[in-house]
Amino acid sequence: MKIHLEADYKSSTAFYPIYSFAGQLISVELLTHFSHSTANVAIPQDMLLPQLDNEQRILLLQKQINSIEKHQDFFCQHNVKATLNIDATLAETILKSEFLARKMEALEWLALEINERFPDLSQGRQNPSLLALSERFDLSLENYGAGHSSSKAIYDNLFFRIKLDKGFIQRNLNRLSFKPFISTVLEHIKPHCEQVIVQGIDDASALKKVSRFDFDGIQSPLFSPVGEDSLSALIDPPEGFAELLH
């Protein structure tokens, strides 16, 4: 079925913050949400994306790039990365279009994010598309630990950022073995990237618990996303952030 984006859906852009445990904004993840014209129900980008044809995917990507370009002063001034999520189809499109790739490369604060379901991720540097993306862009892995791939791509130093899977953290957080377990995980992956981000932290007690470990940042429902007009509001640490850690 052909999806008519402009006719059937209204779209909105949201920026999801990643903070260091000192309360500094280090990155934002740009996601586009859709609501159908006949129903007031939000549809996440990752649910609608597989239904779009290549032309629509490119159009969506271009709109997201334009949104990031519009706020280039913000990203440069505050040294904040802006992350876009891509799948294998978009990755191929970017790599095949020298014009698009060069335009995106020029955005020094831009990062691209894939997840563990990226085809042949376990091949690491032997995966030509993955290697090409890593050589041209800051590459982030969204859900490390989800169990869909081996760690070869991690140990091949292909990612500047690794985000631990929400379920992976939540399954292990309250186990007695969490401290030695997560310390070992960090010991193994931190030498192979610049940032390790923890996810899956939904309350103050969990936040306090993970703050004792050597994570570089956190992305959490505790920190609300904002629209384009409120991007600057993310610079200040969330209210009560410091108190939550003590």
C-alpha atoms as a PDB file:
ATOM      1  CA  MET A   1       0.000   0.000   0.000  1.00  0.00           C
ATOM      2  CA  LYS A   2       1.335   3.418  -0.922  1.00  0.00           C
ATOM      3  CA  ILE A   3       1.760   5.699   2.075  1.00  0.00           C
ATOM      4  CA  HIS A   4       0.921   9.319   1.252  1.00  0.00           C
ATOM      5  CA  LEU A   5       2.987  11.153   3.840  1.00  0.00           C
ATOM      6  CA  GLU A   6       1.911  14.696   3.093  1.00  0.00           C
ATOM      7  CA  ALA A   7      -1.780  13.839   2.658  1.00  0.00           C
ATOM      8  CA  ASP A   8      -2.245  11.177   5.360  1.00  0.00           C
ATOM      9  CA  TYR A   9       0.150  12.194   8.122  1.00  0.00           C
ATOM     10  CA  LYS A  10       1.243  15.207  10.083  1.00  0.00           C
ATOM     11  CA  SER A  11       4.845  15.106  11.224  1.00  0.00           C
ATOM     12  CA  SER A  12       6.637  16.701  14.174  1.00  0.00           C
ATOM     13  CA  THR A  13      10.299  16.794  15.092  1.00  0.00           C
ATOM     14  CA  ALA A  14      11.558  16.035  18.576  1.00  0.00           C
ATOM     15  CA  PHE A  15      15.052  16.227  20.046  1.00  0.00           C
ATOM     16  CA  TYR A  16      15.865  13.633  22.734  1.00  0.00           C
ATOM     17  CA  PRO A  17      18.739  14.688  25.019  1.00  0.00           C
ATOM     18  CA  ILE A  18      21.749  12.721  26.194  1.00  0.00           C
ATOM     19  CA  TYR A  19      23.393  14.139  29.319  1.00  0.00           C
ATOM     20  CA  SER A  20      26.666  13.426  31.028  1.00  0.00           C
ATOM     21  CA  PHE A  21      26.373  12.565  34.716  1.00  0.00           C
ATOM     22  CA  ALA A  22      27.667  16.067  35.429  1.00  0.00           C
ATOM     23  CA  GLY A  23      24.500  17.397  33.804  1.00  0.00           C
ATOM     24  CA  GLN A  24      26.088  18.573  30.548  1.00  0.00           C
ATOM     25  CA  LEU A  25      24.175  18.115  27.303  1.00  0.00           C
ATOM     26  CA  ILE A  26      26.437  16.091  25.016  1.00  0.00           C
ATOM     27  CA  SER A  27      24.078  15.025  22.235  1.00  0.00           C
ATOM     28  CA  VAL A  28      20.520  15.085  20.953  1.00  0.00           C
ATOM     29  CA  GLU A  29      18.768  12.415  18.928  1.00  0.00           C
ATOM     30  CA  LEU A  30      16.402  13.744  16.266  1.00  0.00           C
ATOM     31  CA  LEU A  31      13.267  11.677  15.735  1.00  0.00           C
ATOM     32  CA  THR A  32      10.252  12.434  13.576  1.00  0.00           C
ATOM     33  CA  HIS A  33       6.851  11.400  14.881  1.00  0.00           C
ATOM     34  CA  PHE A  34       3.783  11.019  12.716  1.00  0.00           C
ATOM     35  CA  SER A  35       0.082  11.293  13.480  1.00  0.00           C
ATOM     36  CA  HIS A  36      -2.595  10.147  11.046  1.00  0.00           C
ATOM     37  CA  SER A  37      -4.966  12.793   9.766  1.00  0.00           C
ATOM     38  CA  THR A  38      -7.966  10.770  10.955  1.00  0.00           C
ATOM     39  CA  ALA A  39      -6.682   9.768  14.396  1.00  0.00           C
ATOM     40  CA  ASN A  40      -4.860  11.555  17.179  1.00  0.00           C
ATOM     41  CA  VAL A  41      -2.338   8.746  17.631  1.00  0.00           C
ATOM     42  CA  ALA A  42       1.415   9.288  17.391  1.00  0.00           C
ATOM     43  CA  ILE A  43       3.368   6.810  15.273  1.00  0.00           C
ATOM     44  CA  PRO A  44       7.111   6.531  15.972  1.00  0.00           C
ATOM     45  CA  GLN A  45       9.520   6.920  13.088  1.00  0.00           C
ATOM     46  CA  ASP A  46      10.833   3.355  13.329  1.00  0.00           C
ATOM     47  CA  MET A  47       7.322   1.944  12.846  1.00  0.00           C
ATOM     48  CA  LEU A  48       6.437   3.995   9.777  1.00  0.00           C
ATOM     49  CA  LEU A  49       9.836   3.970   8.075  1.00  0.00           C
ATOM     50  CA  PRO A  50       9.632   0.374   6.735  1.00  0.00           C
ATOM     51  CA  GLN A  51       6.406   1.287   4.928  1.00  0.00           C
ATOM     52  CA  LEU A  52       7.971   4.159   2.997  1.00  0.00           C
ATOM     53  CA  ASP A  53       9.449   3.845  -0.472  1.00  0.00           C
ATOM     54  CA  ASN A  54      12.970   5.076  -1.214  1.00  0.00           C
ATOM     55  CA  GLU A  55      11.823   8.485  -2.449  1.00  0.00           C
ATOM     56  CA  GLN A  56       9.871   9.081   0.754  1.00  0.00           C
ATOM     57  CA  ARG A  57      12.788   7.942   2.896  1.00  0.00           C
ATOM     58  CA  ILE A  58      15.080  10.430   1.156  1.00  0.00           C
ATOM     59  CA  LEU A  59      12.508  13.188   1.574  1.00  0.00           C
ATOM     60  CA  LEU A  60      12.257  12.460   5.299  1.00  0.00           C
ATOM     61  CA  LEU A  61      16.055  12.381   5.633  1.00  0.00           C
ATOM     62  CA  GLN A  62      16.375  15.708   3.815  1.00  0.00           C
ATOM     63  CA  LYS A  63      13.824  17.308   6.131  1.00  0.00           C
ATOM     64  CA  GLN A  64      15.752  16.052   9.142  1.00  0.00           C
ATOM     65  CA  ILE A  65      19.037  17.341   7.726  1.00  0.00           C
ATOM     66  CA  ASN A  66      17.418  20.739   7.096  1.00  0.00           C
ATOM     67  CA  SER A  67      16.214  20.814  10.689  1.00  0.00           C
ATOM     68  CA  ILE A  68      19.732  20.148  11.957  1.00  0.00           C
ATOM     69  CA  GLU A  69      21.251  22.718   9.588  1.00  0.00           C
ATOM     70  CA  LYS A  70      18.806  25.326  10.848  1.00  0.00           C
ATOM     71  CA  HIS A  71      20.257  24.949  14.340  1.00  0.00           C
ATOM     72  CA  GLN A  72      23.916  24.716  13.379  1.00  0.00           C
ATOM     73  CA  ASP A  73      24.852  27.671  15.605  1.00  0.00           C
ATOM     74  CA  PHE A  74      23.407  25.842  18.608  1.00  0.00           C
ATOM     75  CA  PHE A  75      25.353  22.650  17.919  1.00  0.00           C
ATOM     76  CA  CYS A  76      28.612  24.456  17.229  1.00  0.00           C
ATOM     77  CA  GLN A  77      28.398  26.871  20.151  1.00  0.00           C
ATOM     78  CA  HIS A  78      27.604  24.190  22.716  1.00  0.00           C
ATOM     79  CA  ASN A  79      29.650  21.351  21.185  1.00  0.00           C
ATOM     80  CA  VAL A  80      26.591  19.116  20.987  1.00  0.00           C
ATOM     81  CA  LYS A  81      26.196  16.245  18.536  1.00  0.00           C
ATOM     82  CA  ALA A  82      22.977  15.725  16.567  1.00  0.00           C
ATOM     83  CA  THR A  83      22.152  12.108  15.787  1.00  0.00           C
ATOM     84  CA  LEU A  84      20.024  10.744  12.945  1.00  0.00           C
ATOM     85  CA  ASN A  85      18.779   7.167  12.860  1.00  0.00           C
ATOM     86  CA  ILE A  86      19.271   5.276   9.609  1.00  0.00           C
ATOM     87  CA  ASP A  87      18.613   1.745   8.418  1.00  0.00           C
ATOM     88  CA  ALA A  88      20.435  -0.291   5.773  1.00  0.00           C
ATOM     89  CA  THR A  89      18.338   1.147   2.938  1.00  0.00           C
ATOM     90  CA  LEU A  90      19.115   4.733   3.892  1.00  0.00           C
ATOM     91  CA  ALA A  91      22.750   3.844   4.446  1.00  0.00           C
ATOM     92  CA  GLU A  92      22.972   2.527   0.889  1.00  0.00           C
ATOM     93  CA  THR A  93      21.238   5.640  -0.442  1.00  0.00           C
ATOM     94  CA  ILE A  94      23.667   7.942   1.366  1.00  0.00           C
ATOM     95  CA  LEU A  95      26.737   6.040   0.197  1.00  0.00           C
ATOM     96  CA  LYS A  96      25.552   5.923  -3.417  1.00  0.00           C
ATOM     97  CA  SER A  97      24.821   9.655  -3.564  1.00  0.00           C
ATOM     98  CA  GLU A  98      28.077  11.582  -3.422  1.00  0.00           C
ATOM     99  CA  PHE A  99      26.113  14.840  -3.277  1.00  0.00           C
ATOM    100  CA  LEU A 100      24.112  13.715  -0.242  1.00  0.00           C
ATOM    101  CA  ALA A 101      27.124  12.151   1.474  1.00  0.00           C
ATOM    102  CA  ARG A 102      29.237  15.290   1.043  1.00  0.00           C
ATOM    103  CA  LYS A 103      26.401  17.497   2.308  1.00  0.00           C
ATOM    104  CA  MET A 104      26.107  15.363   5.432  1.00  0.00           C
ATOM    105  CA  GLU A 105      29.880  15.136   5.924  1.00  0.00           C
ATOM    106  CA  ALA A 106      30.018  18.932   6.005  1.00  0.00           C
ATOM    107  CA  LEU A 107      27.883  18.882   9.171  1.00  0.00           C
ATOM    108  CA  GLU A 108      30.687  18.288  11.667  1.00  0.00           C
ATOM    109  CA  TRP A 109      28.266  17.868  14.572  1.00  0.00           C
ATOM    110  CA  LEU A 110      26.225  15.165  12.787  1.00  0.00           C
ATOM    111  CA  ALA A 111      26.287  11.513  13.850  1.00  0.00           C
ATOM    112  CA  LEU A 112      24.505   8.577  12.229  1.00  0.00           C
ATOM    113  CA  GLU A 113      22.993   5.820  14.312  1.00  0.00           C
ATOM    114  CA  ILE A 114      22.306   2.199  13.413  1.00  0.00           C
ATOM    115  CA  ASN A 115      21.169  -0.710  15.565  1.00  0.00           C
ATOM    116  CA  GLU A 116      22.192  -4.334  16.034  1.00  0.00           C
ATOM    117  CA  ARG A 117      19.826  -5.478  13.277  1.00  0.00           C
ATOM    118  CA  PHE A 118      21.936  -3.733  10.628  1.00  0.00           C
ATOM    119  CA  PRO A 119      22.650  -6.430   8.006  1.00  0.00           C
ATOM    120  CA  ASP A 120      25.902  -8.347   8.535  1.00  0.00           C
ATOM    121  CA  LEU A 121      26.914  -6.150  11.455  1.00  0.00           C
ATOM    122  CA  SER A 122      28.863  -9.080  12.872  1.00  0.00           C
ATOM    123  CA  GLN A 123      31.243  -8.908   9.883  1.00  0.00           C
ATOM    124  CA  GLY A 124      32.703  -5.688  11.253  1.00  0.00           C
ATOM    125  CA  ARG A 125      35.274  -4.167   8.900  1.00  0.00           C
ATOM    126  CA  GLN A 126      34.547  -6.906   6.362  1.00  0.00           C
ATOM    127  CA  ASN A 127      31.151  -5.281   5.799  1.00  0.00           C
ATOM    128  CA  PRO A 128      31.832  -2.692   3.046  1.00  0.00           C
ATOM    129  CA  SER A 129      28.797  -0.499   3.821  1.00  0.00           C
ATOM    130  CA  LEU A 130      29.519  -0.432   7.541  1.00  0.00           C
ATOM    131  CA  LEU A 131      33.175   0.382   6.983  1.00  0.00           C
ATOM    132  CA  ALA A 132      32.327   3.161   4.514  1.00  0.00           C
ATOM    133  CA  LEU A 133      29.845   4.722   6.936  1.00  0.00           C
ATOM    134  CA  SER A 134      32.386   4.607   9.744  1.00  0.00           C
ATOM    135  CA  GLU A 135      35.089   6.210   7.612  1.00  0.00           C
ATOM    136  CA  ARG A 136      32.866   9.103   6.527  1.00  0.00           C
ATOM    137  CA  PHE A 137      30.711   9.748   9.605  1.00  0.00           C
ATOM    138  CA  ASP A 138      30.664   9.526  13.369  1.00  0.00           C
ATOM    139  CA  LEU A 139      28.769   6.279  13.808  1.00  0.00           C
ATOM    140  CA  SER A 140      26.685   5.305  16.822  1.00  0.00           C
ATOM    141  CA  LEU A 141      25.353   1.852  17.757  1.00  0.00           C
ATOM    142  CA  GLU A 142      21.914   2.149  19.316  1.00  0.00           C
ATOM    143  CA  ASN A 143      21.186  -1.078  21.207  1.00  0.00           C
ATOM    144  CA  TYR A 144      24.358  -2.945  22.066  1.00  0.00           C
ATOM    145  CA  GLY A 145      23.536  -6.002  24.151  1.00  0.00           C
ATOM    146  CA  ALA A 146      20.181  -6.725  22.502  1.00  0.00           C
ATOM    147  CA  GLY A 147      21.578 -10.064  21.338  1.00  0.00           C
ATOM    148  CA  HIS A 148      21.155  -9.597  17.592  1.00  0.00           C
ATOM    149  CA  SER A 149      24.848  -9.469  16.695  1.00  0.00           C
ATOM    150  CA  SER A 150      28.320 -10.327  17.916  1.00  0.00           C
ATOM    151  CA  SER A 151      30.716  -7.686  19.240  1.00  0.00           C
ATOM    152  CA  LYS A 152      33.127  -7.846  16.294  1.00  0.00           C
ATOM    153  CA  ALA A 153      32.104  -4.439  14.927  1.00  0.00           C
ATOM    154  CA  ILE A 154      32.745  -2.967  18.380  1.00  0.00           C
ATOM    155  CA  TYR A 155      36.235  -4.455  18.591  1.00  0.00           C
ATOM    156  CA  ASP A 156      36.918  -3.282  15.029  1.00  0.00           C
ATOM    157  CA  ASN A 157      36.623   0.303  16.338  1.00  0.00           C
ATOM    158  CA  LEU A 158      33.812   1.276  13.961  1.00  0.00           C
ATOM    159  CA  PHE A 159      31.759   3.311  16.432  1.00  0.00           C
ATOM    160  CA  PHE A 160      32.447   6.550  18.246  1.00  0.00           C
ATOM    161  CA  ARG A 161      29.435   5.962  20.510  1.00  0.00           C
ATOM    162  CA  ILE A 162      27.871   2.777  21.913  1.00  0.00           C
ATOM    163  CA  LYS A 163      24.467   2.905  23.591  1.00  0.00           C
ATOM    164  CA  LEU A 164      23.620  -0.053  25.792  1.00  0.00           C
ATOM    165  CA  ASP A 165      20.280  -1.708  25.077  1.00  0.00           C
ATOM    166  CA  LYS A 166      17.414  -0.732  27.403  1.00  0.00           C
ATOM    167  CA  GLY A 167      16.272  -4.301  27.959  1.00  0.00           C
ATOM    168  CA  PHE A 168      19.848  -5.445  28.527  1.00  0.00           C
ATOM    169  CA  ILE A 169      20.248  -2.935  31.363  1.00  0.00           C
ATOM    170  CA  GLN A 170      16.813  -3.535  32.876  1.00  0.00           C
ATOM    171  CA  ARG A 171      17.263  -7.320  32.941  1.00  0.00           C
ATOM    172  CA  ASN A 172      20.522  -7.038  34.850  1.00  0.00           C
ATOM    173  CA  LEU A 173      20.217  -3.865  36.931  1.00  0.00           C
ATOM    174  CA  ASN A 174      18.750  -5.421  40.082  1.00  0.00           C
ATOM    175  CA  ARG A 175      20.858  -8.567  40.087  1.00  0.00           C
ATOM    176  CA  LEU A 176      23.529  -8.948  42.733  1.00  0.00           C
ATOM    177  CA  SER A 177      26.017  -9.573  39.948  1.00  0.00           C
ATOM    178  CA  PHE A 178      25.311  -6.232  38.218  1.00  0.00           C
ATOM    179  CA  LYS A 179      28.366  -4.404  39.576  1.00  0.00           C
ATOM    180  CA  PRO A 180      31.034  -6.875  38.398  1.00  0.00           C
ATOM    181  CA  PHE A 181      29.038  -7.649  35.268  1.00  0.00           C
ATOM    182  CA  ILE A 182      28.646  -4.079  34.014  1.00  0.00           C
ATOM    183  CA  SER A 183      32.188  -3.184  35.082  1.00  0.00           C
ATOM    184  CA  THR A 184      33.467  -6.003  32.863  1.00  0.00           C
ATOM    185  CA  VAL A 185      31.287  -4.870  29.954  1.00  0.00           C
ATOM    186  CA  LEU A 186      32.634  -1.321  30.227  1.00  0.00           C
ATOM    187  CA  GLU A 187      36.206  -2.548  30.564  1.00  0.00           C
ATOM    188  CA  HIS A 188      35.866  -4.431  27.295  1.00  0.00           C
ATOM    189  CA  ILE A 189      34.107  -1.823  25.130  1.00  0.00           C
ATOM    190  CA  LYS A 190      35.339   1.580  26.340  1.00  0.00           C
ATOM    191  CA  PRO A 191      38.781   1.208  24.683  1.00  0.00           C
ATOM    192  CA  HIS A 192      36.985   0.852  21.330  1.00  0.00           C
ATOM    193  CA  CYS A 193      34.836   4.008  21.315  1.00  0.00           C
ATOM    194  CA  GLU A 194      34.684   7.554  22.638  1.00  0.00           C
ATOM    195  CA  GLN A 195      31.383   7.319  24.502  1.00  0.00           C
ATOM    196  CA  VAL A 196      29.342   4.627  26.211  1.00  0.00           C
ATOM    197  CA  ILE A 197      25.755   5.680  26.927  1.00  0.00           C
ATOM    198  CA  VAL A 198      23.413   3.903  29.325  1.00  0.00           C
ATOM    199  CA  GLN A 199      19.697   3.558  28.534  1.00  0.00           C
ATOM    200  CA  GLY A 200      16.764   1.860  30.254  1.00  0.00           C
ATOM    201  CA  ILE A 201      16.888   4.028  33.387  1.00  0.00           C
ATOM    202  CA  ASP A 202      13.323   4.959  34.311  1.00  0.00           C
ATOM    203  CA  ASP A 203      13.481   6.124  37.938  1.00  0.00           C
ATOM    204  CA  ALA A 204      15.668   7.966  40.420  1.00  0.00           C
ATOM    205  CA  SER A 205      16.967   4.880  42.227  1.00  0.00           C
ATOM    206  CA  ALA A 206      18.173   3.314  38.962  1.00  0.00           C
ATOM    207  CA  LEU A 207      19.772   6.624  37.944  1.00  0.00           C
ATOM    208  CA  LYS A 208      21.679   6.795  41.200  1.00  0.00           C
ATOM    209  CA  LYS A 209      22.816   3.197  40.835  1.00  0.00           C
ATOM    210  CA  VAL A 210      24.263   3.555  37.313  1.00  0.00           C
ATOM    211  CA  SER A 211      25.879   6.907  38.128  1.00  0.00           C
ATOM    212  CA  ARG A 212      28.551   4.995  40.080  1.00  0.00           C
ATOM    213  CA  PHE A 213      29.886   3.406  36.913  1.00  0.00           C
ATOM    214  CA  ASP A 214      32.110   4.779  34.173  1.00  0.00           C
ATOM    215  CA  PHE A 215      29.374   5.705  31.683  1.00  0.00           C
ATOM    216  CA  ASP A 216      29.900   8.803  29.573  1.00  0.00           C
ATOM    217  CA  GLY A 217      26.224   9.714  29.479  1.00  0.00           C
ATOM    218  CA  ILE A 218      22.607   8.714  29.853  1.00  0.00           C
ATOM    219  CA  GLN A 219      19.524   8.816  27.643  1.00  0.00           C
ATOM    220  CA  SER A 220      16.362   8.326  29.652  1.00  0.00           C
ATOM    221  CA  PRO A 221      12.599   8.982  29.789  1.00  0.00           C
ATOM    222  CA  LEU A 222      13.461  11.036  32.876  1.00  0.00           C
ATOM    223  CA  PHE A 223      14.650  13.734  30.455  1.00  0.00           C
ATOM    224  CA  SER A 224      11.825  14.917  28.229  1.00  0.00           C
ATOM    225  CA  PRO A 225      12.347  15.627  24.527  1.00  0.00           C
ATOM    226  CA  VAL A 226      11.641  19.065  23.100  1.00  0.00           C
ATOM    227  CA  GLY A 227      10.509  20.463  19.785  1.00  0.00           C
ATOM    228  CA  GLU A 228      12.652  22.601  17.507  1.00  0.00           C
ATOM    229  CA  ASP A 229      11.545  25.863  19.077  1.00  0.00           C
ATOM    230  CA  SER A 230      12.684  24.742  22.525  1.00  0.00           C
ATOM    231  CA  LEU A 231      16.039  23.169  21.671  1.00  0.00           C
ATOM    232  CA  SER A 232      17.995  25.700  23.727  1.00  0.00           C
ATOM    233  CA  ALA A 233      16.072  24.654  26.842  1.00  0.00           C
ATOM    234  CA  LEU A 234      18.032  21.388  26.880  1.00  0.00           C
ATOM    235  CA  ILE A 235      21.295  23.161  27.725  1.00  0.00           C
ATOM    236  CA  ASP A 236      20.336  23.540  31.363  1.00  0.00           C
ATOM    237  CA  PRO A 237      20.441  20.258  33.301  1.00  0.00           C
ATOM    238  CA  PRO A 238      17.003  18.789  34.038  1.00  0.00           C
ATOM    239  CA  GLU A 239      15.469  20.170  37.213  1.00  0.00           C
ATOM    240  CA  GLY A 240      16.601  18.145  40.199  1.00  0.00           C
ATOM    241  CA  PHE A 241      19.243  16.243  38.203  1.00  0.00           C
ATOM    242  CA  ALA A 242      22.016  16.793  40.736  1.00  0.00           C
ATOM    243  CA  GLU A 243      19.725  15.908  43.647  1.00  0.00           C
ATOM    244  CA  LEU A 244      18.794  12.610  41.977  1.00  0.00           C
ATOM    245  CA  LEU A 245      22.439  11.495  42.098  1.00  0.00           C
ATOM    246  CA  HIS A 246      22.876  12.097  45.825  1.00  0.00           C
END
